[in-house]
Amino acid sequence: MLTPTAIKAPHGAQDLEITWPNGHTSRFPHRILRGYCPCAGCQGHSGAIKYIEGGNLELRDLEPVGNYALSLTWGDAHNAGIYTYQYLHDLGVLLERLGEQGLIDLGEIPR
């Protein structure tokens, strides 16, 4: 199981930071997390996860979901996305490889 050893989301920051068991740290701009929200309301129930521009980017709260995911609450109260740790890890790998704008330009990622 891929479970972070640390999660940091300071109030007012524009990035969420996750440290993984191997010591590697991934930094996620809120724009990427909100744009690639995996919830059914944003993405439907099947197919690739598409980047959707917009929405409030203020991360107001995060809550663990069991020992496998995070629930993020955005400034406009959107909180339906369950971001599994595996999803976040994979998103972090793509983000490091492509960069923020490259990941946005990609437009979609596998579910």
PDB file of N, CA and C in Angstrom:
ATOM      1  N   MET A   1       0.844  -1.188   0.000  1.00  0.00           N
ATOM      2  CA  MET A   1       0.000   0.000   0.000  1.00  0.00           C
ATOM      3  C   MET A   1       0.882   1.243   0.000  1.00  0.00           C
ATOM      4  N   LEU A   2       0.505   2.212  -0.786  1.00  0.00           N
ATOM      5  CA  LEU A   2       1.240   3.457  -0.928  1.00  0.00           C
ATOM      6  C   LEU A   2       0.606   4.509  -0.022  1.00  0.00           C
ATOM      7  N   THR A   3       1.190   4.717   1.149  1.00  0.00           N
ATOM      8  CA  THR A   3       0.641   5.669   2.108  1.00  0.00           C
ATOM      9  C   THR A   3       1.680   6.738   2.408  1.00  0.00           C
ATOM     10  N   PRO A   4       1.318   8.017   2.252  1.00  0.00           N
ATOM     11  CA  PRO A   4       2.274   9.096   2.516  1.00  0.00           C
ATOM     12  C   PRO A   4       2.770   9.081   3.959  1.00  0.00           C
ATOM     13  N   THR A   5       3.987   9.571   4.140  1.00  0.00           N
ATOM     14  CA  THR A   5       4.531   9.731   5.486  1.00  0.00           C
ATOM     15  C   THR A   5       4.279  11.137   6.011  1.00  0.00           C
ATOM     16  N   ALA A   6       3.992  12.094   5.096  1.00  0.00           N
ATOM     17  CA  ALA A   6       3.686  13.469   5.500  1.00  0.00           C
ATOM     18  C   ALA A   6       2.856  14.136   4.407  1.00  0.00           C
ATOM     19  N   ILE A   7       1.933  14.978   4.845  1.00  0.00           N
ATOM     20  CA  ILE A   7       1.116  15.771   3.932  1.00  0.00           C
ATOM     21  C   ILE A   7       1.093  17.186   4.485  1.00  0.00           C
ATOM     22  N   LYS A   8       1.468  18.154   3.638  1.00  0.00           N
ATOM     23  CA  LYS A   8       1.495  19.551   4.061  1.00  0.00           C
ATOM     24  C   LYS A   8       0.663  20.385   3.100  1.00  0.00           C
ATOM     25  N   ALA A   9      -0.217  21.168   3.664  1.00  0.00           N
ATOM     26  CA  ALA A   9      -1.043  22.085   2.883  1.00  0.00           C
ATOM     27  C   ALA A   9      -1.231  23.357   3.715  1.00  0.00           C
ATOM     28  N   PRO A  10      -0.174  24.161   3.841  1.00  0.00           N
ATOM     29  CA  PRO A  10      -0.289  25.362   4.673  1.00  0.00           C
ATOM     30  C   PRO A  10      -1.362  26.313   4.172  1.00  0.00           C
ATOM     31  N   HIS A  11      -2.072  26.929   5.111  1.00  0.00           N
ATOM     32  CA  HIS A  11      -3.116  27.896   4.771  1.00  0.00           C
ATOM     33  C   HIS A  11      -2.498  29.003   3.916  1.00  0.00           C
ATOM     34  N   GLY A  12      -3.135  29.313   2.810  1.00  0.00           N
ATOM     35  CA  GLY A  12      -2.659  30.376   1.934  1.00  0.00           C
ATOM     36  C   GLY A  12      -1.650  29.920   0.892  1.00  0.00           C
ATOM     37  N   ALA A  13      -1.148  28.698   1.001  1.00  0.00           N
ATOM     38  CA  ALA A  13      -0.183  28.186   0.023  1.00  0.00           C
ATOM     39  C   ALA A  13      -0.907  27.831  -1.268  1.00  0.00           C
ATOM     40  N   GLN A  14      -0.157  27.699  -2.339  1.00  0.00           N
ATOM     41  CA  GLN A  14      -0.716  27.337  -3.637  1.00  0.00           C
ATOM     42  C   GLN A  14      -0.373  25.909  -4.039  1.00  0.00           C
ATOM     43  N   ASP A  15       0.293  25.185  -3.148  1.00  0.00           N
ATOM     44  CA  ASP A  15       0.713  23.816  -3.419  1.00  0.00           C
ATOM     45  C   ASP A  15       0.375  22.905  -2.245  1.00  0.00           C
ATOM     46  N   LEU A  16       0.089  21.652  -2.567  1.00  0.00           N
ATOM     47  CA  LEU A  16      -0.044  20.581  -1.590  1.00  0.00           C
ATOM     48  C   LEU A  16       1.224  19.750  -1.706  1.00  0.00           C
ATOM     49  N   GLU A  17       1.826  19.398  -0.602  1.00  0.00           N
ATOM     50  CA  GLU A  17       3.090  18.649  -0.601  1.00  0.00           C
ATOM     51  C   GLU A  17       2.882  17.300   0.084  1.00  0.00           C
ATOM     52  N   ILE A  18       3.286  16.245  -0.609  1.00  0.00           N
ATOM     53  CA  ILE A  18       3.163  14.891  -0.067  1.00  0.00           C
ATOM     54  C   ILE A  18       4.531  14.224  -0.084  1.00  0.00           C
ATOM     55  N   THR A  19       4.929  13.671   1.057  1.00  0.00           N
ATOM     56  CA  THR A  19       6.157  12.891   1.146  1.00  0.00           C
ATOM     57  C   THR A  19       5.771  11.423   1.180  1.00  0.00           C
ATOM     58  N   TRP A  20       6.418  10.648   0.304  1.00  0.00           N
ATOM     59  CA  TRP A  20       6.122   9.226   0.126  1.00  0.00           C
ATOM     60  C   TRP A  20       7.057   8.377   0.966  1.00  0.00           C
ATOM     61  N   PRO A  21       6.733   7.095   1.163  1.00  0.00           N
ATOM     62  CA  PRO A  21       7.551   6.223   2.012  1.00  0.00           C
ATOM     63  C   PRO A  21       9.027   6.134   1.607  1.00  0.00           C
ATOM     64  N   ASN A  22       9.322   6.327   0.323  1.00  0.00           N
ATOM     65  CA  ASN A  22      10.724   6.264  -0.118  1.00  0.00           C
ATOM     66  C   ASN A  22      11.471   7.567   0.136  1.00  0.00           C
ATOM     67  N   GLY A  23      10.811   8.560   0.753  1.00  0.00           N
ATOM     68  CA  GLY A  23      11.442   9.836   1.072  1.00  0.00           C
ATOM     69  C   GLY A  23      11.249  10.903   0.008  1.00  0.00           C
ATOM     70  N   HIS A  24      10.737  10.531  -1.150  1.00  0.00           N
ATOM     71  CA  HIS A  24      10.504  11.491  -2.234  1.00  0.00           C
ATOM     72  C   HIS A  24       9.310  12.382  -1.889  1.00  0.00           C
ATOM     73  N   THR A  25       9.406  13.656  -2.238  1.00  0.00           N
ATOM     74  CA  THR A  25       8.322  14.602  -2.003  1.00  0.00           C
ATOM     75  C   THR A  25       7.749  15.074  -3.325  1.00  0.00           C
ATOM     76  N   SER A  26       6.438  15.016  -3.448  1.00  0.00           N
ATOM     77  CA  SER A  26       5.723  15.535  -4.620  1.00  0.00           C
ATOM     78  C   SER A  26       5.032  16.829  -4.225  1.00  0.00           C
ATOM     79  N   ARG A  27       5.114  17.824  -5.111  1.00  0.00           N
ATOM     80  CA  ARG A  27       4.428  19.099  -4.885  1.00  0.00           C
ATOM     81  C   ARG A  27       3.376  19.274  -5.969  1.00  0.00           C
ATOM     82  N   PHE A  28       2.146  19.500  -5.539  1.00  0.00           N
ATOM     83  CA  PHE A  28       1.017  19.588  -6.456  1.00  0.00           C
ATOM     84  C   PHE A  28       0.442  21.001  -6.427  1.00  0.00           C
ATOM     85  N   PRO A  29       0.586  21.759  -7.500  1.00  0.00           N
ATOM     86  CA  PRO A  29      -0.105  23.051  -7.560  1.00  0.00           C
ATOM     87  C   PRO A  29      -1.612  22.815  -7.463  1.00  0.00           C
ATOM     88  N   HIS A  30      -2.291  23.679  -6.752  1.00  0.00           N
ATOM     89  CA  HIS A  30      -3.734  23.531  -6.602  1.00  0.00           C
ATOM     90  C   HIS A  30      -4.426  23.507  -7.966  1.00  0.00           C
ATOM     91  N   ARG A  31      -3.893  24.246  -8.915  1.00  0.00           N
ATOM     92  CA  ARG A  31      -4.458  24.285 -10.270  1.00  0.00           C
ATOM     93  C   ARG A  31      -4.506  22.886 -10.898  1.00  0.00           C
ATOM     94  N   ILE A  32      -3.474  22.080 -10.639  1.00  0.00           N
ATOM     95  CA  ILE A  32      -3.436  20.719 -11.175  1.00  0.00           C
ATOM     96  C   ILE A  32      -4.428  19.832 -10.432  1.00  0.00           C
ATOM     97  N   LEU A  33      -4.436  19.901  -9.113  1.00  0.00           N
ATOM     98  CA  LEU A  33      -5.350  19.057  -8.336  1.00  0.00           C
ATOM     99  C   LEU A  33      -6.807  19.361  -8.657  1.00  0.00           C
ATOM    100  N   ARG A  34      -7.160  20.634  -8.745  1.00  0.00           N
ATOM    101  CA  ARG A  34      -8.544  20.996  -9.040  1.00  0.00           C
ATOM    102  C   ARG A  34      -8.876  20.658 -10.490  1.00  0.00           C
ATOM    103  N   GLY A  35      -7.950  20.937 -11.401  1.00  0.00           N
ATOM    104  CA  GLY A  35      -8.194  20.670 -12.815  1.00  0.00           C
ATOM    105  C   GLY A  35      -8.372  19.200 -13.129  1.00  0.00           C
ATOM    106  N   TYR A  36      -7.644  18.345 -12.417  1.00  0.00           N
ATOM    107  CA  TYR A  36      -7.740  16.901 -12.615  1.00  0.00           C
ATOM    108  C   TYR A  36      -8.537  16.242 -11.486  1.00  0.00           C
ATOM    109  N   CYS A  37      -9.557  16.946 -10.993  1.00  0.00           N
ATOM    110  CA  CYS A  37     -10.418  16.380  -9.952  1.00  0.00           C
ATOM    111  C   CYS A  37     -11.052  15.094 -10.478  1.00  0.00           C
ATOM    112  N   PRO A  38     -10.911  13.997  -9.731  1.00  0.00           N
ATOM    113  CA  PRO A  38     -11.407  12.716 -10.228  1.00  0.00           C
ATOM    114  C   PRO A  38     -12.881  12.431  -9.945  1.00  0.00           C
ATOM    115  N   CYS A  39     -13.622  13.371  -9.400  1.00  0.00           N
ATOM    116  CA  CYS A  39     -15.009  13.062  -9.006  1.00  0.00           C
ATOM    117  C   CYS A  39     -15.902  12.825 -10.223  1.00  0.00           C
ATOM    118  N   ALA A  40     -16.965  12.095 -10.002  1.00  0.00           N
ATOM    119  CA  ALA A  40     -17.915  11.775 -11.071  1.00  0.00           C
ATOM    120  C   ALA A  40     -18.596  13.030 -11.608  1.00  0.00           C
ATOM    121  N   GLY A  41     -18.806  14.030 -10.768  1.00  0.00           N
ATOM    122  CA  GLY A  41     -19.418  15.269 -11.229  1.00  0.00           C
ATOM    123  C   GLY A  41     -18.551  15.995 -12.238  1.00  0.00           C
ATOM    124  N   CYS A  42     -17.246  15.925 -12.061  1.00  0.00           N
ATOM    125  CA  CYS A  42     -16.314  16.558 -12.998  1.00  0.00           C
ATOM    126  C   CYS A  42     -16.005  15.646 -14.182  1.00  0.00           C
ATOM    127  N   GLN A  43     -15.944  14.345 -13.953  1.00  0.00           N
ATOM    128  CA  GLN A  43     -15.410  13.422 -14.951  1.00  0.00           C
ATOM    129  C   GLN A  43     -16.401  12.415 -15.522  1.00  0.00           C
ATOM    130  N   GLY A  44     -17.559  12.290 -14.935  1.00  0.00           N
ATOM    131  CA  GLY A  44     -18.440  11.202 -15.341  1.00  0.00           C
ATOM    132  C   GLY A  44     -17.967   9.920 -14.665  1.00  0.00           C
ATOM    133  N   HIS A  45     -18.438   8.789 -15.140  1.00  0.00           N
ATOM    134  CA  HIS A  45     -18.148   7.524 -14.463  1.00  0.00           C
ATOM    135  C   HIS A  45     -17.153   6.633 -15.186  1.00  0.00           C
ATOM    136  N   SER A  46     -16.681   7.052 -16.357  1.00  0.00           N
ATOM    137  CA  SER A  46     -15.724   6.213 -17.081  1.00  0.00           C
ATOM    138  C   SER A  46     -14.897   7.068 -18.025  1.00  0.00           C
ATOM    139  N   GLY A  47     -13.905   6.451 -18.616  1.00  0.00           N
ATOM    140  CA  GLY A  47     -13.046   7.157 -19.554  1.00  0.00           C
ATOM    141  C   GLY A  47     -11.900   7.850 -18.855  1.00  0.00           C
ATOM    142  N   ALA A  48     -11.126   8.563 -19.642  1.00  0.00           N
ATOM    143  CA  ALA A  48      -9.960   9.273 -19.122  1.00  0.00           C
ATOM    144  C   ALA A  48     -10.401  10.418 -18.204  1.00  0.00           C
ATOM    145  N   ILE A  49      -9.488  10.853 -17.364  1.00  0.00           N
ATOM    146  CA  ILE A  49      -9.727  12.007 -16.506  1.00  0.00           C
ATOM    147  C   ILE A  49      -9.220  13.226 -17.256  1.00  0.00           C
ATOM    148  N   LYS A  50     -10.122  14.148 -17.556  1.00  0.00           N
ATOM    149  CA  LYS A  50      -9.801  15.319 -18.351  1.00  0.00           C
ATOM    150  C   LYS A  50      -9.469  16.507 -17.450  1.00  0.00           C
ATOM    151  N   TYR A  51      -8.573  17.348 -17.935  1.00  0.00           N
ATOM    152  CA  TYR A  51      -8.262  18.584 -17.227  1.00  0.00           C
ATOM    153  C   TYR A  51      -9.395  19.573 -17.478  1.00  0.00           C
ATOM    154  N   ILE A  52      -9.954  20.115 -16.403  1.00  0.00           N
ATOM    155  CA  ILE A  52     -11.046  21.084 -16.498  1.00  0.00           C
ATOM    156  C   ILE A  52     -10.585  22.366 -15.807  1.00  0.00           C
ATOM    157  N   GLU A  53     -10.388  23.396 -16.595  1.00  0.00           N
ATOM    158  CA  GLU A  53      -9.937  24.692 -16.080  1.00  0.00           C
ATOM    159  C   GLU A  53     -11.024  25.323 -15.230  1.00  0.00           C
ATOM    160  N   GLY A  54     -10.618  26.045 -14.200  1.00  0.00           N
ATOM    161  CA  GLY A  54     -11.566  26.833 -13.426  1.00  0.00           C
ATOM    162  C   GLY A  54     -11.822  26.263 -12.048  1.00  0.00           C
ATOM    163  N   GLY A  55     -12.799  26.825 -11.401  1.00  0.00           N
ATOM    164  CA  GLY A  55     -13.095  26.445 -10.035  1.00  0.00           C
ATOM    165  C   GLY A  55     -12.226  27.239  -9.071  1.00  0.00           C
ATOM    166  N   ASN A  56     -12.653  27.333  -7.852  1.00  0.00           N
ATOM    167  CA  ASN A  56     -11.904  28.034  -6.826  1.00  0.00           C
ATOM    168  C   ASN A  56     -10.689  27.203  -6.437  1.00  0.00           C
ATOM    169  N   LEU A  57      -9.516  27.808  -6.431  1.00  0.00           N
ATOM    170  CA  LEU A  57      -8.265  27.085  -6.179  1.00  0.00           C
ATOM    171  C   LEU A  57      -7.789  27.177  -4.735  1.00  0.00           C
ATOM    172  N   GLU A  58      -8.589  27.779  -3.870  1.00  0.00           N
ATOM    173  CA  GLU A  58      -8.215  27.833  -2.461  1.00  0.00           C
ATOM    174  C   GLU A  58      -8.550  26.485  -1.814  1.00  0.00           C
ATOM    175  N   LEU A  59      -7.531  25.810  -1.319  1.00  0.00           N
ATOM    176  CA  LEU A  59      -7.739  24.537  -0.630  1.00  0.00           C
ATOM    177  C   LEU A  59      -8.095  24.858   0.818  1.00  0.00           C
ATOM    178  N   ARG A  60      -9.346  24.615   1.168  1.00  0.00           N
ATOM    179  CA  ARG A  60      -9.825  24.966   2.504  1.00  0.00           C
ATOM    180  C   ARG A  60      -9.627  23.866   3.522  1.00  0.00           C
ATOM    181  N   ASP A  61      -9.708  22.619   3.061  1.00  0.00           N
ATOM    182  CA  ASP A  61      -9.605  21.511   4.008  1.00  0.00           C
ATOM    183  C   ASP A  61      -9.191  20.254   3.269  1.00  0.00           C
ATOM    184  N   LEU A  62      -8.551  19.364   3.989  1.00  0.00           N
ATOM    185  CA  LEU A  62      -8.282  18.029   3.472  1.00  0.00           C
ATOM    186  C   LEU A  62      -8.487  17.044   4.594  1.00  0.00           C
ATOM    187  N   GLU A  63      -9.076  15.934   4.238  1.00  0.00           N
ATOM    188  CA  GLU A  63      -9.398  14.897   5.210  1.00  0.00           C
ATOM    189  C   GLU A  63      -8.972  13.551   4.661  1.00  0.00           C
ATOM    190  N   PRO A  64      -8.391  12.711   5.513  1.00  0.00           N
ATOM    191  CA  PRO A  64      -8.091  11.358   5.040  1.00  0.00           C
ATOM    192  C   PRO A  64      -9.385  10.578   4.805  1.00  0.00           C
ATOM    193  N   VAL A  65      -9.349   9.716   3.817  1.00  0.00           N
ATOM    194  CA  VAL A  65     -10.442   8.784   3.546  1.00  0.00           C
ATOM    195  C   VAL A  65      -9.856   7.402   3.789  1.00  0.00           C
ATOM    196  N   GLY A  66     -10.223   6.815   4.915  1.00  0.00           N
ATOM    197  CA  GLY A  66      -9.600   5.547   5.302  1.00  0.00           C
ATOM    198  C   GLY A  66      -8.092   5.715   5.335  1.00  0.00           C
ATOM    199  N   ASN A  67      -7.393   4.702   4.867  1.00  0.00           N
ATOM    200  CA  ASN A  67      -5.929   4.806   4.794  1.00  0.00           C
ATOM    201  C   ASN A  67      -5.467   4.759   3.344  1.00  0.00           C
ATOM    202  N   TYR A  68      -6.366   5.187   2.413  1.00  0.00           N
ATOM    203  CA  TYR A  68      -6.037   5.048   1.004  1.00  0.00           C
ATOM    204  C   TYR A  68      -6.224   6.311   0.175  1.00  0.00           C
ATOM    205  N   ALA A  69      -6.766   7.405   0.752  1.00  0.00           N
ATOM    206  CA  ALA A  69      -7.088   8.561  -0.079  1.00  0.00           C
ATOM    207  C   ALA A  69      -7.233   9.833   0.748  1.00  0.00           C
ATOM    208  N   LEU A  70      -7.379  10.958   0.021  1.00  0.00           N
ATOM    209  CA  LEU A  70      -7.678  12.256   0.606  1.00  0.00           C
ATOM    210  C   LEU A  70      -8.935  12.816  -0.024  1.00  0.00           C
ATOM    211  N   SER A  71      -9.722  13.505   0.771  1.00  0.00           N
ATOM    212  CA  SER A  71     -10.846  14.295   0.284  1.00  0.00           C
ATOM    213  C   SER A  71     -10.429  15.753   0.429  1.00  0.00           C
ATOM    214  N   LEU A  72     -10.503  16.499  -0.660  1.00  0.00           N
ATOM    215  CA  LEU A  72     -10.111  17.906  -0.659  1.00  0.00           C
ATOM    216  C   LEU A  72     -11.348  18.774  -0.759  1.00  0.00           C
ATOM    217  N   THR A  73     -11.405  19.825   0.039  1.00  0.00           N
ATOM    218  CA  THR A  73     -12.493  20.795  -0.025  1.00  0.00           C
ATOM    219  C   THR A  73     -11.920  22.109  -0.519  1.00  0.00           C
ATOM    220  N   TRP A  74     -12.504  22.593  -1.625  1.00  0.00           N
ATOM    221  CA  TRP A  74     -12.034  23.821  -2.266  1.00  0.00           C
ATOM    222  C   TRP A  74     -12.845  25.009  -1.771  1.00  0.00           C
ATOM    223  N   GLY A  75     -12.381  26.206  -2.088  1.00  0.00           N
ATOM    224  CA  GLY A  75     -12.987  27.442  -1.620  1.00  0.00           C
ATOM    225  C   GLY A  75     -14.436  27.636  -2.018  1.00  0.00           C
ATOM    226  N   ASP A  76     -14.889  26.963  -3.076  1.00  0.00           N
ATOM    227  CA  ASP A  76     -16.283  27.051  -3.487  1.00  0.00           C
ATOM    228  C   ASP A  76     -17.108  25.881  -2.944  1.00  0.00           C
ATOM    229  N   ALA A  77     -16.559  25.186  -1.949  1.00  0.00           N
ATOM    230  CA  ALA A  77     -17.188  24.063  -1.243  1.00  0.00           C
ATOM    231  C   ALA A  77     -17.216  22.767  -2.063  1.00  0.00           C
ATOM    232  N   HIS A  78     -16.606  22.753  -3.244  1.00  0.00           N
ATOM    233  CA  HIS A  78     -16.517  21.503  -4.018  1.00  0.00           C
ATOM    234  C   HIS A  78     -15.644  20.527  -3.221  1.00  0.00           C
ATOM    235  N   ASN A  79     -16.179  19.332  -2.939  1.00  0.00           N
ATOM    236  CA  ASN A  79     -15.432  18.365  -2.131  1.00  0.00           C
ATOM    237  C   ASN A  79     -15.747  16.919  -2.516  1.00  0.00           C
ATOM    238  N   ALA A  80     -16.219  16.715  -3.739  1.00  0.00           N
ATOM    239  CA  ALA A  80     -16.660  15.384  -4.137  1.00  0.00           C
ATOM    240  C   ALA A  80     -15.522  14.477  -4.585  1.00  0.00           C
ATOM    241  N   GLY A  81     -14.371  15.029  -4.876  1.00  0.00           N
ATOM    242  CA  GLY A  81     -13.262  14.214  -5.382  1.00  0.00           C
ATOM    243  C   GLY A  81     -12.573  13.413  -4.292  1.00  0.00           C
ATOM    244  N   ILE A  82     -12.411  12.124  -4.532  1.00  0.00           N
ATOM    245  CA  ILE A  82     -11.618  11.269  -3.645  1.00  0.00           C
ATOM    246  C   ILE A  82     -10.316  10.997  -4.387  1.00  0.00           C
ATOM    247  N   TYR A  83      -9.232  11.551  -3.890  1.00  0.00           N
ATOM    248  CA  TYR A  83      -7.918  11.443  -4.511  1.00  0.00           C
ATOM    249  C   TYR A  83      -7.166  10.296  -3.834  1.00  0.00           C
ATOM    250  N   THR A  84      -7.163   9.124  -4.463  1.00  0.00           N
ATOM    251  CA  THR A  84      -6.436   8.009  -3.848  1.00  0.00           C
ATOM    252  C   THR A  84      -4.961   8.327  -3.829  1.00  0.00           C
ATOM    253  N   TYR A  85      -4.258   7.710  -2.899  1.00  0.00           N
ATOM    254  CA  TYR A  85      -2.817   7.929  -2.828  1.00  0.00           C
ATOM    255  C   TYR A  85      -2.132   7.427  -4.091  1.00  0.00           C
ATOM    256  N   GLN A  86      -2.636   6.344  -4.665  1.00  0.00           N
ATOM    257  CA  GLN A  86      -2.052   5.854  -5.918  1.00  0.00           C
ATOM    258  C   GLN A  86      -2.264   6.876  -7.036  1.00  0.00           C
ATOM    259  N   TYR A  87      -3.458   7.449  -7.109  1.00  0.00           N
ATOM    260  CA  TYR A  87      -3.744   8.481  -8.113  1.00  0.00           C
ATOM    261  C   TYR A  87      -2.814   9.675  -7.924  1.00  0.00           C
ATOM    262  N   LEU A  88      -2.657  10.133  -6.684  1.00  0.00           N
ATOM    263  CA  LEU A  88      -1.777  11.271  -6.406  1.00  0.00           C
ATOM    264  C   LEU A  88      -0.327  10.942  -6.753  1.00  0.00           C
ATOM    265  N   HIS A  89       0.104   9.740  -6.434  1.00  0.00           N
ATOM    266  CA  HIS A  89       1.470   9.339  -6.768  1.00  0.00           C
ATOM    267  C   HIS A  89       1.678   9.368  -8.282  1.00  0.00           C
ATOM    268  N   ASP A  90       0.751   8.779  -9.014  1.00  0.00           N
ATOM    269  CA  ASP A  90       0.860   8.741 -10.474  1.00  0.00           C
ATOM    270  C   ASP A  90       0.793  10.146 -11.079  1.00  0.00           C
ATOM    271  N   LEU A  91      -0.087  10.980 -10.538  1.00  0.00           N
ATOM    272  CA  LEU A  91      -0.188  12.362 -10.994  1.00  0.00           C
ATOM    273  C   LEU A  91       1.114  13.111 -10.728  1.00  0.00           C
ATOM    274  N   GLY A  92       1.720  12.843  -9.573  1.00  0.00           N
ATOM    275  CA  GLY A  92       3.002  13.470  -9.239  1.00  0.00           C
ATOM    276  C   GLY A  92       4.111  13.075 -10.196  1.00  0.00           C
ATOM    277  N   VAL A  93       4.144  11.809 -10.593  1.00  0.00           N
ATOM    278  CA  VAL A  93       5.150  11.342 -11.557  1.00  0.00           C
ATOM    279  C   VAL A  93       4.971  12.076 -12.886  1.00  0.00           C
ATOM    280  N   LEU A  94       3.734  12.173 -13.363  1.00  0.00           N
ATOM    281  CA  LEU A  94       3.469  12.899 -14.610  1.00  0.00           C
ATOM    282  C   LEU A  94       3.827  14.375 -14.487  1.00  0.00           C
ATOM    283  N   LEU A  95       3.518  14.967 -13.369  1.00  0.00           N
ATOM    284  CA  LEU A  95       3.812  16.371 -13.134  1.00  0.00           C
ATOM    285  C   LEU A  95       5.316  16.626 -13.177  1.00  0.00           C
ATOM    286  N   GLU A  96       6.081  15.748 -12.574  1.00  0.00           N
ATOM    287  CA  GLU A  96       7.538  15.913 -12.595  1.00  0.00           C
ATOM    288  C   GLU A  96       8.110  15.720 -13.994  1.00  0.00           C
ATOM    289  N   ARG A  97       7.529  14.802 -14.738  1.00  0.00           N
ATOM    290  CA  ARG A  97       8.030  14.520 -16.083  1.00  0.00           C
ATOM    291  C   ARG A  97       7.652  15.623 -17.072  1.00  0.00           C
ATOM    292  N   LEU A  98       6.414  16.122 -16.984  1.00  0.00           N
ATOM    293  CA  LEU A  98       5.905  17.054 -17.982  1.00  0.00           C
ATOM    294  C   LEU A  98       5.932  18.519 -17.551  1.00  0.00           C
ATOM    295  N   GLY A  99       5.985  18.758 -16.247  1.00  0.00           N
ATOM    296  CA  GLY A  99       5.855  20.112 -15.734  1.00  0.00           C
ATOM    297  C   GLY A  99       4.384  20.506 -15.650  1.00  0.00           C
ATOM    298  N   GLU A 100       4.105  21.588 -14.939  1.00  0.00           N
ATOM    299  CA  GLU A 100       2.714  21.999 -14.730  1.00  0.00           C
ATOM    300  C   GLU A 100       2.012  22.297 -16.057  1.00  0.00           C
ATOM    301  N   GLN A 101       2.603  23.141 -16.889  1.00  0.00           N
ATOM    302  CA  GLN A 101       1.941  23.496 -18.141  1.00  0.00           C
ATOM    303  C   GLN A 101       1.851  22.299 -19.082  1.00  0.00           C
ATOM    304  N   GLY A 102       2.871  21.460 -19.087  1.00  0.00           N
ATOM    305  CA  GLY A 102       2.833  20.266 -19.928  1.00  0.00           C
ATOM    306  C   GLY A 102       1.706  19.319 -19.537  1.00  0.00           C
ATOM    307  N   LEU A 103       1.467  19.180 -18.237  1.00  0.00           N
ATOM    308  CA  LEU A 103       0.385  18.318 -17.765  1.00  0.00           C
ATOM    309  C   LEU A 103      -0.977  18.921 -18.112  1.00  0.00           C
ATOM    310  N   ILE A 104      -1.084  20.235 -18.025  1.00  0.00           N
ATOM    311  CA  ILE A 104      -2.326  20.901 -18.427  1.00  0.00           C
ATOM    312  C   ILE A 104      -2.542  20.712 -19.931  1.00  0.00           C
ATOM    313  N   ASP A 105      -1.488  20.917 -20.711  1.00  0.00           N
ATOM    314  CA  ASP A 105      -1.590  20.779 -22.165  1.00  0.00           C
ATOM    315  C   ASP A 105      -1.922  19.351 -22.580  1.00  0.00           C
ATOM    316  N   LEU A 106      -1.483  18.369 -21.779  1.00  0.00           N
ATOM    317  CA  LEU A 106      -1.805  16.959 -22.084  1.00  0.00           C
ATOM    318  C   LEU A 106      -3.319  16.777 -22.164  1.00  0.00           C
ATOM    319  N   GLY A 107      -4.043  17.443 -21.271  1.00  0.00           N
ATOM    320  CA  GLY A 107      -5.493  17.491 -21.362  1.00  0.00           C
ATOM    321  C   GLY A 107      -6.255  16.341 -20.749  1.00  0.00           C
ATOM    322  N   GLU A 108      -5.648  15.173 -20.659  1.00  0.00           N
ATOM    323  CA  GLU A 108      -6.313  14.033 -20.026  1.00  0.00           C
ATOM    324  C   GLU A 108      -5.283  13.005 -19.612  1.00  0.00           C
ATOM    325  N   ILE A 109      -5.653  12.238 -18.596  1.00  0.00           N
ATOM    326  CA  ILE A 109      -4.777  11.177 -18.094  1.00  0.00           C
ATOM    327  C   ILE A 109      -5.623   9.908 -17.914  1.00  0.00           C
ATOM    328  N   PRO A 110      -4.991   8.755 -17.926  1.00  0.00           N
ATOM    329  CA  PRO A 110      -5.770   7.511 -17.738  1.00  0.00           C
ATOM    330  C   PRO A 110      -6.427   7.476 -16.361  1.00  0.00           C
ATOM    331  N   ARG A 111      -7.565   6.839 -16.305  1.00  0.00           N
ATOM    332  CA  ARG A 111      -8.266   6.688 -15.034  1.00  0.00           C
ATOM    333  C   ARG A 111      -7.564   5.632 -14.197  1.00  0.00           C
TER     334      ARG A 111
END
